[in-house]
Amino acid sequence: LSRDIVRQIIRYSNRINIPYPRYIAEDKMISDFVVHTLG
């Protein structure tokens, strides 16, 4: 991850840190945020 993406992950951690009703790996949560939220 480049530093600008790390900053966005920290800033919007509430959009990633959610208790999914089923198991979803943390790397997929982060990937989904970068791809679908940050585009």
Full PDB file with SEQRES, HELIX, SHEET, SSBOND, CRYST1, ORIGX, SCALE, CONECT and MASTER records, all heavy atoms in Angstrom:
SEQRES   1 A   39  LEU SER ARG ASP ILE VAL ARG GLN ILE ILE ARG TYR SER          
SEQRES   2 A   39  ASN ARG ILE ASN ILE PRO TYR PRO ARG TYR ILE ALA GLU          
SEQRES   3 A   39  ASP LYS MET ILE SER ASP PHE VAL VAL HIS THR LEU GLY          
HELIX    1 AA1 ARG A    3  ARG A   11  1                                   9    
HELIX    2 AA2 SER A   13  ARG A   15  5                                   3    
HELIX    3 AA3 GLU A   26  ASP A   32  1                                   7    
HELIX    4 AA4 PHE A   33  THR A   37  3                                   5    
CRYST1    1.000    1.000    1.000  90.00  90.00  90.00 P 1           1          
ORIGX1      1.000000  0.000000  0.000000        0.00000                         
ORIGX2      0.000000  1.000000  0.000000        0.00000                         
ORIGX3      0.000000  0.000000  1.000000        0.00000                         
SCALE1      1.000000  0.000000  0.000000        0.00000                         
SCALE2      0.000000  1.000000  0.000000        0.00000                         
SCALE3      0.000000  0.000000  1.000000        0.00000                         
ATOM      1  N   LEU A   1       0.842  -1.194   0.000  1.00  0.00           N  
ATOM      2  CA  LEU A   1       0.000   0.000   0.000  1.00  0.00           C  
ATOM      3  C   LEU A   1       0.876   1.243   0.000  1.00  0.00           C  
ATOM      4  O   LEU A   1       1.810   1.350   0.801  1.00  0.00           O  
ATOM      5  CB  LEU A   1      -0.897   0.025   1.237  1.00  0.00           C  
ATOM      6  CG  LEU A   1      -1.864  -1.155   1.425  1.00  0.00           C  
ATOM      7  CD1 LEU A   1      -2.438  -1.147   2.825  1.00  0.00           C  
ATOM      8  CD2 LEU A   1      -2.970  -1.114   0.383  1.00  0.00           C  
ATOM      9  N   SER A   2       0.577   2.189  -0.880  1.00  0.00           N  
ATOM     10  CA  SER A   2       1.278   3.473  -0.830  1.00  0.00           C  
ATOM     11  C   SER A   2       0.758   4.281   0.353  1.00  0.00           C  
ATOM     12  O   SER A   2      -0.338   4.033   0.884  1.00  0.00           O  
ATOM     13  CB  SER A   2       1.087   4.245  -2.134  1.00  0.00           C  
ATOM     14  OG  SER A   2      -0.287   4.433  -2.428  1.00  0.00           O  
ATOM     15  N   ARG A   3       1.541   5.259   0.775  1.00  0.00           N  
ATOM     16  CA  ARG A   3       1.227   5.971   2.010  1.00  0.00           C  
ATOM     17  C   ARG A   3      -0.109   6.711   1.938  1.00  0.00           C  
ATOM     18  O   ARG A   3      -0.843   6.766   2.933  1.00  0.00           O  
ATOM     19  CB  ARG A   3       2.356   6.959   2.336  1.00  0.00           C  
ATOM     20  CG  ARG A   3       2.182   7.601   3.700  1.00  0.00           C  
ATOM     21  CD  ARG A   3       3.383   8.434   4.091  1.00  0.00           C  
ATOM     22  NE  ARG A   3       3.285   8.859   5.487  1.00  0.00           N  
ATOM     23  CZ  ARG A   3       4.229   9.513   6.144  1.00  0.00           C  
ATOM     24  NH1 ARG A   3       5.378   9.818   5.530  1.00  0.00           N  
ATOM     25  NH2 ARG A   3       4.069   9.857   7.420  1.00  0.00           N  
ATOM     26  N   ASP A   4      -0.453   7.260   0.788  1.00  0.00           N  
ATOM     27  CA  ASP A   4      -1.720   7.990   0.689  1.00  0.00           C  
ATOM     28  C   ASP A   4      -2.907   7.069   0.920  1.00  0.00           C  
ATOM     29  O   ASP A   4      -3.911   7.473   1.524  1.00  0.00           O  
ATOM     30  CB  ASP A   4      -1.839   8.684  -0.675  1.00  0.00           C  
ATOM     31  CG  ASP A   4      -1.739   7.712  -1.840  1.00  0.00           C  
ATOM     32  OD1 ASP A   4      -0.826   6.871  -1.849  1.00  0.00           O  
ATOM     33  OD2 ASP A   4      -2.578   7.798  -2.762  1.00  0.00           O  
ATOM     34  N   ILE A   5      -2.804   5.807   0.496  1.00  0.00           N  
ATOM     35  CA  ILE A   5      -3.885   4.851   0.741  1.00  0.00           C  
ATOM     36  C   ILE A   5      -3.937   4.465   2.216  1.00  0.00           C  
ATOM     37  O   ILE A   5      -5.027   4.342   2.795  1.00  0.00           O  
ATOM     38  CB  ILE A   5      -3.722   3.615  -0.151  1.00  0.00           C  
ATOM     39  CG1 ILE A   5      -4.002   3.991  -1.607  1.00  0.00           C  
ATOM     40  CG2 ILE A   5      -4.647   2.494   0.299  1.00  0.00           C  
ATOM     41  CD1 ILE A   5      -3.934   2.839  -2.575  1.00  0.00           C  
ATOM     42  N   VAL A   6      -2.784   4.278   2.829  1.00  0.00           N  
ATOM     43  CA  VAL A   6      -2.761   3.980   4.265  1.00  0.00           C  
ATOM     44  C   VAL A   6      -3.476   5.088   5.043  1.00  0.00           C  
ATOM     45  O   VAL A   6      -4.262   4.819   5.961  1.00  0.00           O  
ATOM     46  CB  VAL A   6      -1.309   3.828   4.768  1.00  0.00           C  
ATOM     47  CG1 VAL A   6      -1.277   3.679   6.285  1.00  0.00           C  
ATOM     48  CG2 VAL A   6      -0.634   2.628   4.105  1.00  0.00           C  
ATOM     49  N   ARG A   7      -3.227   6.326   4.673  1.00  0.00           N  
ATOM     50  CA  ARG A   7      -3.882   7.451   5.353  1.00  0.00           C  
ATOM     51  C   ARG A   7      -5.393   7.398   5.187  1.00  0.00           C  
ATOM     52  O   ARG A   7      -6.140   7.712   6.129  1.00  0.00           O  
ATOM     53  CB  ARG A   7      -3.325   8.766   4.813  1.00  0.00           C  
ATOM     54  CG  ARG A   7      -1.896   9.066   5.267  1.00  0.00           C  
ATOM     55  CD  ARG A   7      -1.317  10.245   4.533  1.00  0.00           C  
ATOM     56  NE  ARG A   7      -0.038  10.655   5.111  1.00  0.00           N  
ATOM     57  CZ  ARG A   7       0.799  11.519   4.538  1.00  0.00           C  
ATOM     58  NH1 ARG A   7       0.497  12.052   3.358  1.00  0.00           N  
ATOM     59  NH2 ARG A   7       1.931  11.840   5.133  1.00  0.00           N  
ATOM     60  N   GLN A   8      -5.870   7.017   4.012  1.00  0.00           N  
ATOM     61  CA  GLN A   8      -7.313   6.925   3.790  1.00  0.00           C  
ATOM     62  C   GLN A   8      -7.913   5.765   4.591  1.00  0.00           C  
ATOM     63  O   GLN A   8      -9.032   5.889   5.108  1.00  0.00           O  
ATOM     64  CB  GLN A   8      -7.591   6.736   2.296  1.00  0.00           C  
ATOM     65  CG  GLN A   8      -7.230   7.929   1.426  1.00  0.00           C  
ATOM     66  CD  GLN A   8      -8.013   9.170   1.810  1.00  0.00           C  
ATOM     67  OE1 GLN A   8      -9.244   9.155   1.852  1.00  0.00           O  
ATOM     68  NE2 GLN A   8      -7.299  10.246   2.113  1.00  0.00           N  
ATOM     69  N   ILE A   9      -7.192   4.674   4.683  1.00  0.00           N  
ATOM     70  CA  ILE A   9      -7.673   3.546   5.487  1.00  0.00           C  
ATOM     71  C   ILE A   9      -7.821   3.957   6.952  1.00  0.00           C  
ATOM     72  O   ILE A   9      -8.813   3.635   7.614  1.00  0.00           O  
ATOM     73  CB  ILE A   9      -6.718   2.348   5.352  1.00  0.00           C  
ATOM     74  CG1 ILE A   9      -6.794   1.770   3.940  1.00  0.00           C  
ATOM     75  CG2 ILE A   9      -7.026   1.271   6.394  1.00  0.00           C  
ATOM     76  CD1 ILE A   9      -5.730   0.741   3.630  1.00  0.00           C  
ATOM     77  N   ILE A  10      -6.831   4.679   7.470  1.00  0.00           N  
ATOM     78  CA  ILE A  10      -6.894   5.148   8.855  1.00  0.00           C  
ATOM     79  C   ILE A  10      -8.042   6.144   9.028  1.00  0.00           C  
ATOM     80  O   ILE A  10      -8.823   6.053   9.983  1.00  0.00           O  
ATOM     81  CB  ILE A  10      -5.554   5.795   9.250  1.00  0.00           C  
ATOM     82  CG1 ILE A  10      -4.427   4.755   9.234  1.00  0.00           C  
ATOM     83  CG2 ILE A  10      -5.656   6.450  10.625  1.00  0.00           C  
ATOM     84  CD1 ILE A  10      -3.039   5.349   9.332  1.00  0.00           C  
ATOM     85  N   ARG A  11      -8.148   7.070   8.094  1.00  0.00           N  
ATOM     86  CA  ARG A  11      -9.163   8.122   8.203  1.00  0.00           C  
ATOM     87  C   ARG A  11     -10.574   7.559   8.172  1.00  0.00           C  
ATOM     88  O   ARG A  11     -11.456   8.022   8.894  1.00  0.00           O  
ATOM     89  CB  ARG A  11      -8.976   9.120   7.066  1.00  0.00           C  
ATOM     90  CG  ARG A  11      -9.972  10.275   7.094  1.00  0.00           C  
ATOM     91  CD  ARG A  11      -9.705  11.249   5.959  1.00  0.00           C  
ATOM     92  NE  ARG A  11     -10.644  12.363   5.987  1.00  0.00           N  
ATOM     93  CZ  ARG A  11     -10.674  13.339   5.078  1.00  0.00           C  
ATOM     94  NH1 ARG A  11      -9.802  13.318   4.058  1.00  0.00           N  
ATOM     95  NH2 ARG A  11     -11.560  14.320   5.176  1.00  0.00           N  
ATOM     96  N   TYR A  12     -10.803   6.555   7.328  1.00  0.00           N  
ATOM     97  CA  TYR A  12     -12.144   6.005   7.154  1.00  0.00           C  
ATOM     98  C   TYR A  12     -12.231   4.576   7.696  1.00  0.00           C  
ATOM     99  O   TYR A  12     -12.944   3.742   7.140  1.00  0.00           O  
ATOM    100  CB  TYR A  12     -12.530   6.036   5.677  1.00  0.00           C  
ATOM    101  CG  TYR A  12     -12.607   7.431   5.114  1.00  0.00           C  
ATOM    102  CD1 TYR A  12     -11.624   7.906   4.250  1.00  0.00           C  
ATOM    103  CD2 TYR A  12     -13.653   8.297   5.472  1.00  0.00           C  
ATOM    104  CE1 TYR A  12     -11.679   9.195   3.743  1.00  0.00           C  
ATOM    105  CE2 TYR A  12     -13.708   9.582   4.959  1.00  0.00           C  
ATOM    106  CZ  TYR A  12     -12.718  10.031   4.104  1.00  0.00           C  
ATOM    107  OH  TYR A  12     -12.785  11.303   3.611  1.00  0.00           O  
ATOM    108  N   SER A  13     -11.524   4.334   8.789  1.00  0.00           N  
ATOM    109  CA  SER A  13     -11.490   2.982   9.343  1.00  0.00           C  
ATOM    110  C   SER A  13     -12.880   2.499   9.768  1.00  0.00           C  
ATOM    111  O   SER A  13     -13.131   1.286   9.786  1.00  0.00           O  
ATOM    112  CB  SER A  13     -10.541   2.921  10.531  1.00  0.00           C  
ATOM    113  OG  SER A  13     -10.947   3.816  11.555  1.00  0.00           O  
ATOM    114  N   ASN A  14     -13.780   3.424  10.084  1.00  0.00           N  
ATOM    115  CA  ASN A  14     -15.131   3.020  10.478  1.00  0.00           C  
ATOM    116  C   ASN A  14     -15.882   2.342   9.330  1.00  0.00           C  
ATOM    117  O   ASN A  14     -16.849   1.624   9.553  1.00  0.00           O  
ATOM    118  CB  ASN A  14     -15.930   4.225  10.977  1.00  0.00           C  
ATOM    119  CG  ASN A  14     -16.111   5.286   9.909  1.00  0.00           C  
ATOM    120  OD1 ASN A  14     -15.153   5.631   9.205  1.00  0.00           O  
ATOM    121  ND2 ASN A  14     -17.313   5.822   9.778  1.00  0.00           N  
ATOM    122  N   ARG A  15     -15.430   2.561   8.101  1.00  0.00           N  
ATOM    123  CA  ARG A  15     -16.069   1.913   6.954  1.00  0.00           C  
ATOM    124  C   ARG A  15     -15.510   0.516   6.716  1.00  0.00           C  
ATOM    125  O   ARG A  15     -16.043  -0.249   5.909  1.00  0.00           O  
ATOM    126  CB  ARG A  15     -15.871   2.751   5.691  1.00  0.00           C  
ATOM    127  CG  ARG A  15     -16.418   4.163   5.796  1.00  0.00           C  
ATOM    128  CD  ARG A  15     -16.347   4.868   4.464  1.00  0.00           C  
ATOM    129  NE  ARG A  15     -16.759   6.261   4.565  1.00  0.00           N  
ATOM    130  CZ  ARG A  15     -16.861   7.090   3.525  1.00  0.00           C  
ATOM    131  NH1 ARG A  15     -16.572   6.655   2.311  1.00  0.00           N  
ATOM    132  NH2 ARG A  15     -17.224   8.341   3.710  1.00  0.00           N  
ATOM    133  N   ILE A  16     -14.419   0.187   7.391  1.00  0.00           N  
ATOM    134  CA  ILE A  16     -13.787  -1.124   7.233  1.00  0.00           C  
ATOM    135  C   ILE A  16     -13.967  -1.957   8.489  1.00  0.00           C  
ATOM    136  O   ILE A  16     -14.192  -3.158   8.417  1.00  0.00           O  
ATOM    137  CB  ILE A  16     -12.277  -0.954   6.950  1.00  0.00           C  
ATOM    138  CG1 ILE A  16     -12.068  -0.018   5.754  1.00  0.00           C  
ATOM    139  CG2 ILE A  16     -11.613  -2.290   6.695  1.00  0.00           C  
ATOM    140  CD1 ILE A  16     -10.619   0.366   5.533  1.00  0.00           C  
ATOM    141  N   ASN A  17     -13.905  -1.325   9.633  1.00  0.00           N  
ATOM    142  CA  ASN A  17     -13.946  -2.002  10.930  1.00  0.00           C  
ATOM    143  C   ASN A  17     -15.355  -2.360  11.356  1.00  0.00           C  
ATOM    144  O   ASN A  17     -15.819  -1.946  12.407  1.00  0.00           O  
ATOM    145  CB  ASN A  17     -13.333  -1.085  11.995  1.00  0.00           C  
ATOM    146  CG  ASN A  17     -11.908  -1.479  12.296  1.00  0.00           C  
ATOM    147  OD1 ASN A  17     -11.546  -2.628  12.159  1.00  0.00           O  
ATOM    148  ND2 ASN A  17     -11.112  -0.513  12.710  1.00  0.00           N  
ATOM    149  N   ILE A  18     -16.061  -3.088  10.558  1.00  0.00           N  
ATOM    150  CA  ILE A  18     -17.434  -3.426  10.910  1.00  0.00           C  
ATOM    151  C   ILE A  18     -17.541  -4.933  11.134  1.00  0.00           C  
ATOM    152  O   ILE A  18     -16.891  -5.716  10.443  1.00  0.00           O  
ATOM    153  CB  ILE A  18     -18.433  -2.968   9.827  1.00  0.00           C  
ATOM    154  CG1 ILE A  18     -18.067  -3.570   8.461  1.00  0.00           C  
ATOM    155  CG2 ILE A  18     -18.485  -1.459   9.752  1.00  0.00           C  
ATOM    156  CD1 ILE A  18     -19.033  -3.204   7.363  1.00  0.00           C  
ATOM    157  N   PRO A  19     -18.341  -5.355  12.105  1.00  0.00           N  
ATOM    158  CA  PRO A  19     -18.471  -6.792  12.394  1.00  0.00           C  
ATOM    159  C   PRO A  19     -19.384  -7.473  11.376  1.00  0.00           C  
ATOM    160  O   PRO A  19     -20.609  -7.417  11.470  1.00  0.00           O  
ATOM    161  CB  PRO A  19     -19.081  -6.813  13.800  1.00  0.00           C  
ATOM    162  CG  PRO A  19     -19.823  -5.516  13.899  1.00  0.00           C  
ATOM    163  CD  PRO A  19     -19.071  -4.516  13.055  1.00  0.00           C  
ATOM    164  N   TYR A  20     -18.810  -8.084  10.377  1.00  0.00           N  
ATOM    165  CA  TYR A  20     -19.595  -8.773   9.364  1.00  0.00           C  
ATOM    166  C   TYR A  20     -20.349  -9.938   9.993  1.00  0.00           C  
ATOM    167  O   TYR A  20     -19.856 -10.580  10.915  1.00  0.00           O  
ATOM    168  CB  TYR A  20     -18.685  -9.293   8.256  1.00  0.00           C  
ATOM    169  CG  TYR A  20     -18.245  -8.230   7.286  1.00  0.00           C  
ATOM    170  CD1 TYR A  20     -17.173  -7.394   7.581  1.00  0.00           C  
ATOM    171  CD2 TYR A  20     -18.902  -8.059   6.077  1.00  0.00           C  
ATOM    172  CE1 TYR A  20     -16.759  -6.421   6.685  1.00  0.00           C  
ATOM    173  CE2 TYR A  20     -18.490  -7.091   5.167  1.00  0.00           C  
ATOM    174  CZ  TYR A  20     -17.418  -6.283   5.477  1.00  0.00           C  
ATOM    175  OH  TYR A  20     -17.012  -5.324   4.597  1.00  0.00           O  
ATOM    176  N   PRO A  21     -21.546 -10.252   9.469  1.00  0.00           N  
ATOM    177  CA  PRO A  21     -22.302 -11.383  10.028  1.00  0.00           C  
ATOM    178  C   PRO A  21     -21.660 -12.728   9.726  1.00  0.00           C  
ATOM    179  O   PRO A  21     -21.993 -13.727  10.326  1.00  0.00           O  
ATOM    180  CB  PRO A  21     -23.660 -11.255   9.331  1.00  0.00           C  
ATOM    181  CG  PRO A  21     -23.373 -10.486   8.080  1.00  0.00           C  
ATOM    182  CD  PRO A  21     -22.265  -9.537   8.425  1.00  0.00           C  
ATOM    183  N   ARG A  22     -20.747 -12.787   8.782  1.00  0.00           N  
ATOM    184  CA  ARG A  22     -20.019 -14.017   8.494  1.00  0.00           C  
ATOM    185  C   ARG A  22     -18.539 -13.663   8.368  1.00  0.00           C  
ATOM    186  O   ARG A  22     -18.179 -12.504   8.279  1.00  0.00           O  
ATOM    187  CB  ARG A  22     -20.523 -14.663   7.192  1.00  0.00           C  
ATOM    188  CG  ARG A  22     -20.407 -13.753   5.981  1.00  0.00           C  
ATOM    189  CD  ARG A  22     -21.056 -14.383   4.761  1.00  0.00           C  
ATOM    190  NE  ARG A  22     -21.017 -13.497   3.616  1.00  0.00           N  
ATOM    191  CZ  ARG A  22     -20.007 -13.387   2.765  1.00  0.00           C  
ATOM    192  NH1 ARG A  22     -18.917 -14.120   2.962  1.00  0.00           N  
ATOM    193  NH2 ARG A  22     -20.063 -12.580   1.734  1.00  0.00           N  
ATOM    194  N   TYR A  23     -17.705 -14.684   8.352  1.00  0.00           N  
ATOM    195  CA  TYR A  23     -16.267 -14.430   8.281  1.00  0.00           C  
ATOM    196  C   TYR A  23     -15.879 -13.841   6.934  1.00  0.00           C  
ATOM    197  O   TYR A  23     -16.184 -14.407   5.879  1.00  0.00           O  
ATOM    198  CB  TYR A  23     -15.477 -15.712   8.518  1.00  0.00           C  
ATOM    199  CG  TYR A  23     -14.004 -15.519   8.271  1.00  0.00           C  
ATOM    200  CD1 TYR A  23     -13.226 -14.836   9.201  1.00  0.00           C  
ATOM    201  CD2 TYR A  23     -13.403 -15.968   7.108  1.00  0.00           C  
ATOM    202  CE1 TYR A  23     -11.872 -14.624   8.990  1.00  0.00           C  
ATOM    203  CE2 TYR A  23     -12.055 -15.762   6.879  1.00  0.00           C  
ATOM    204  CZ  TYR A  23     -11.300 -15.090   7.823  1.00  0.00           C  
ATOM    205  OH  TYR A  23      -9.968 -14.867   7.599  1.00  0.00           O  
ATOM    206  N   ILE A  24     -15.230 -12.692   6.956  1.00  0.00           N  
ATOM    207  CA  ILE A  24     -14.615 -12.098   5.778  1.00  0.00           C  
ATOM    208  C   ILE A  24     -13.207 -11.698   6.182  1.00  0.00           C  
ATOM    209  O   ILE A  24     -13.016 -10.989   7.168  1.00  0.00           O  
ATOM    210  CB  ILE A  24     -15.393 -10.881   5.252  1.00  0.00           C  
ATOM    211  CG1 ILE A  24     -16.796 -11.308   4.794  1.00  0.00           C  
ATOM    212  CG2 ILE A  24     -14.643 -10.218   4.102  1.00  0.00           C  
ATOM    213  CD1 ILE A  24     -17.636 -10.181   4.252  1.00  0.00           C  
ATOM    214  N   ALA A  25     -12.241 -12.161   5.436  1.00  0.00           N  
ATOM    215  CA  ALA A  25     -10.850 -11.911   5.787  1.00  0.00           C  
ATOM    216  C   ALA A  25     -10.546 -10.419   5.780  1.00  0.00           C  
ATOM    217  O   ALA A  25     -11.079  -9.657   4.966  1.00  0.00           O  
ATOM    218  CB  ALA A  25      -9.923 -12.635   4.821  1.00  0.00           C  
ATOM    219  N   GLU A  26      -9.671 -10.019   6.694  1.00  0.00           N  
ATOM    220  CA  GLU A  26      -9.312  -8.601   6.825  1.00  0.00           C  
ATOM    221  C   GLU A  26      -8.683  -8.049   5.555  1.00  0.00           C  
ATOM    222  O   GLU A  26      -8.914  -6.903   5.179  1.00  0.00           O  
ATOM    223  CB  GLU A  26      -8.389  -8.459   8.032  1.00  0.00           C  
ATOM    224  CG  GLU A  26      -7.504  -7.246   8.048  1.00  0.00           C  
ATOM    225  CD  GLU A  26      -6.125  -7.596   7.555  1.00  0.00           C  
ATOM    226  OE1 GLU A  26      -5.628  -8.689   7.864  1.00  0.00           O  
ATOM    227  OE2 GLU A  26      -5.543  -6.766   6.850  1.00  0.00           O  
ATOM    228  N   ASP A  27      -7.884  -8.867   4.832  1.00  0.00           N  
ATOM    229  CA  ASP A  27      -7.284  -8.373   3.596  1.00  0.00           C  
ATOM    230  C   ASP A  27      -8.346  -8.087   2.539  1.00  0.00           C  
ATOM    231  O   ASP A  27      -8.218  -7.133   1.754  1.00  0.00           O  
ATOM    232  CB  ASP A  27      -6.220  -9.335   3.060  1.00  0.00           C  
ATOM    233  CG  ASP A  27      -6.706 -10.768   2.933  1.00  0.00           C  
ATOM    234  OD1 ASP A  27      -7.839 -11.052   3.338  1.00  0.00           O  
ATOM    235  OD2 ASP A  27      -5.927 -11.600   2.430  1.00  0.00           O  
ATOM    236  N   LYS A  28      -9.422  -8.882   2.522  1.00  0.00           N  
ATOM    237  CA  LYS A  28     -10.509  -8.611   1.579  1.00  0.00           C  
ATOM    238  C   LYS A  28     -11.260  -7.346   1.971  1.00  0.00           C  
ATOM    239  O   LYS A  28     -11.675  -6.569   1.104  1.00  0.00           O  
ATOM    240  CB  LYS A  28     -11.472  -9.792   1.487  1.00  0.00           C  
ATOM    241  CG  LYS A  28     -12.535  -9.584   0.395  1.00  0.00           C  
ATOM    242  CD  LYS A  28     -13.456 -10.763   0.245  1.00  0.00           C  
ATOM    243  CE  LYS A  28     -14.333 -10.614  -0.975  1.00  0.00           C  
ATOM    244  NZ  LYS A  28     -15.047  -9.321  -1.066  1.00  0.00           N  
ATOM    245  N   MET A  29     -11.462  -7.125   3.273  1.00  0.00           N  
ATOM    246  CA  MET A  29     -12.114  -5.890   3.712  1.00  0.00           C  
ATOM    247  C   MET A  29     -11.333  -4.669   3.231  1.00  0.00           C  
ATOM    248  O   MET A  29     -11.919  -3.700   2.716  1.00  0.00           O  
ATOM    249  CB  MET A  29     -12.221  -5.853   5.240  1.00  0.00           C  
ATOM    250  CG  MET A  29     -13.163  -6.859   5.850  1.00  0.00           C  
ATOM    251  SD  MET A  29     -13.273  -6.575   7.652  1.00  0.00           S  
ATOM    252  CE  MET A  29     -14.155  -8.036   8.162  1.00  0.00           C  
ATOM    253  N   ILE A  30     -10.013  -4.707   3.388  1.00  0.00           N  
ATOM    254  CA  ILE A  30      -9.181  -3.576   2.975  1.00  0.00           C  
ATOM    255  C   ILE A  30      -9.191  -3.434   1.459  1.00  0.00           C  
ATOM    256  O   ILE A  30      -9.321  -2.332   0.921  1.00  0.00           O  
ATOM    257  CB  ILE A  30      -7.758  -3.728   3.523  1.00  0.00           C  
ATOM    258  CG1 ILE A  30      -7.768  -3.566   5.043  1.00  0.00           C  
ATOM    259  CG2 ILE A  30      -6.809  -2.714   2.884  1.00  0.00           C  
ATOM    260  CD1 ILE A  30      -6.435  -3.791   5.714  1.00  0.00           C  
ATOM    261  N   SER A  31      -9.056  -4.557   0.733  1.00  0.00           N  
ATOM    262  CA  SER A  31      -9.088  -4.508  -0.728  1.00  0.00           C  
ATOM    263  C   SER A  31     -10.403  -3.933  -1.221  1.00  0.00           C  
ATOM    264  O   SER A  31     -10.434  -3.087  -2.131  1.00  0.00           O  
ATOM    265  CB  SER A  31      -8.882  -5.906  -1.320  1.00  0.00           C  
ATOM    266  OG  SER A  31      -7.556  -6.327  -1.211  1.00  0.00           O  
ATOM    267  N   ASP A  32     -11.509  -4.389  -0.648  1.00  0.00           N  
ATOM    268  CA  ASP A  32     -12.820  -3.888  -1.069  1.00  0.00           C  
ATOM    269  C   ASP A  32     -12.939  -2.386  -0.840  1.00  0.00           C  
ATOM    270  O   ASP A  32     -13.493  -1.658  -1.672  1.00  0.00           O  
ATOM    271  CB  ASP A  32     -13.930  -4.614  -0.312  1.00  0.00           C  
ATOM    272  CG  ASP A  32     -14.149  -6.029  -0.815  1.00  0.00           C  
ATOM    273  OD1 ASP A  32     -13.590  -6.376  -1.878  1.00  0.00           O  
ATOM    274  OD2 ASP A  32     -14.884  -6.789  -0.154  1.00  0.00           O  
ATOM    275  N   PHE A  33     -12.421  -1.898   0.275  1.00  0.00           N  
ATOM    276  CA  PHE A  33     -12.463  -0.463   0.549  1.00  0.00           C  
ATOM    277  C   PHE A  33     -11.661   0.315  -0.488  1.00  0.00           C  
ATOM    278  O   PHE A  33     -12.128   1.319  -1.036  1.00  0.00           O  
ATOM    279  CB  PHE A  33     -11.918  -0.176   1.947  1.00  0.00           C  
ATOM    280  CG  PHE A  33     -11.702   1.283   2.230  1.00  0.00           C  
ATOM    281  CD1 PHE A  33     -12.777   2.120   2.523  1.00  0.00           C  
ATOM    282  CD2 PHE A  33     -10.431   1.828   2.185  1.00  0.00           C  
ATOM    283  CE1 PHE A  33     -12.586   3.476   2.769  1.00  0.00           C  
ATOM    284  CE2 PHE A  33     -10.229   3.180   2.440  1.00  0.00           C  
ATOM    285  CZ  PHE A  33     -11.302   4.003   2.720  1.00  0.00           C  
ATOM    286  N   VAL A  34     -10.455  -0.155  -0.783  1.00  0.00           N  
ATOM    287  CA  VAL A  34      -9.597   0.565  -1.733  1.00  0.00           C  
ATOM    288  C   VAL A  34     -10.208   0.540  -3.129  1.00  0.00           C  
ATOM    289  O   VAL A  34     -10.248   1.568  -3.821  1.00  0.00           O  
ATOM    290  CB  VAL A  34      -8.183  -0.050  -1.754  1.00  0.00           C  
ATOM    291  CG1 VAL A  34      -7.329   0.597  -2.841  1.00  0.00           C  
ATOM    292  CG2 VAL A  34      -7.517   0.129  -0.389  1.00  0.00           C  
ATOM    293  N   VAL A  35     -10.721  -0.612  -3.543  1.00  0.00           N  
ATOM    294  CA  VAL A  35     -11.248  -0.746  -4.901  1.00  0.00           C  
ATOM    295  C   VAL A  35     -12.601  -0.066  -5.054  1.00  0.00           C  
ATOM    296  O   VAL A  35     -12.822   0.726  -5.990  1.00  0.00           O  
ATOM    297  CB  VAL A  35     -11.345  -2.236  -5.297  1.00  0.00           C  
ATOM    298  CG1 VAL A  35     -12.077  -2.405  -6.625  1.00  0.00           C  
ATOM    299  CG2 VAL A  35      -9.954  -2.854  -5.370  1.00  0.00           C  
ATOM    300  N   HIS A  36     -13.517  -0.337  -4.139  1.00  0.00           N  
ATOM    301  CA  HIS A  36     -14.897   0.107  -4.328  1.00  0.00           C  
ATOM    302  C   HIS A  36     -15.180   1.483  -3.738  1.00  0.00           C  
ATOM    303  O   HIS A  36     -16.028   2.217  -4.255  1.00  0.00           O  
ATOM    304  CB  HIS A  36     -15.864  -0.924  -3.740  1.00  0.00           C  
ATOM    305  CG  HIS A  36     -15.731  -2.285  -4.358  1.00  0.00           C  
ATOM    306  ND1 HIS A  36     -15.928  -2.515  -5.698  1.00  0.00           N  
ATOM    307  CD2 HIS A  36     -15.393  -3.492  -3.816  1.00  0.00           C  
ATOM    308  CE1 HIS A  36     -15.748  -3.792  -5.969  1.00  0.00           C  
ATOM    309  NE2 HIS A  36     -15.417  -4.400  -4.842  1.00  0.00           N  
ATOM    310  N   THR A  37     -14.499   1.854  -2.668  1.00  0.00           N  
ATOM    311  CA  THR A  37     -14.721   3.171  -2.067  1.00  0.00           C  
ATOM    312  C   THR A  37     -13.767   4.219  -2.630  1.00  0.00           C  
ATOM    313  O   THR A  37     -14.189   5.310  -3.004  1.00  0.00           O  
ATOM    314  CB  THR A  37     -14.578   3.097  -0.532  1.00  0.00           C  
ATOM    315  OG1 THR A  37     -15.519   2.153  -0.018  1.00  0.00           O  
ATOM    316  CG2 THR A  37     -14.846   4.466   0.092  1.00  0.00           C  
ATOM    317  N   LEU A  38     -12.484   3.872  -2.715  1.00  0.00           N  
ATOM    318  CA  LEU A  38     -11.509   4.827  -3.246  1.00  0.00           C  
ATOM    319  C   LEU A  38     -11.412   4.778  -4.761  1.00  0.00           C  
ATOM    320  O   LEU A  38     -10.858   5.699  -5.372  1.00  0.00           O  
ATOM    321  CB  LEU A  38     -10.122   4.564  -2.631  1.00  0.00           C  
ATOM    322  CG  LEU A  38     -10.018   4.656  -1.111  1.00  0.00           C  
ATOM    323  CD1 LEU A  38      -8.574   4.441  -0.667  1.00  0.00           C  
ATOM    324  CD2 LEU A  38     -10.533   5.994  -0.602  1.00  0.00           C  
ATOM    325  N   GLY A  39     -11.916   3.721  -5.374  1.00  0.00           N  
ATOM    326  CA  GLY A  39     -11.913   3.627  -6.829  1.00  0.00           C  
ATOM    327  C   GLY A  39     -10.542   3.374  -7.431  1.00  0.00           C  
ATOM    328  O   GLY A  39     -10.240   3.869  -8.528  1.00  0.00           O  
TER     329      GLY A  39                                                      
MASTER        0    0    0    4    0    0    0    6  328    1    0    3          
END                                                                             
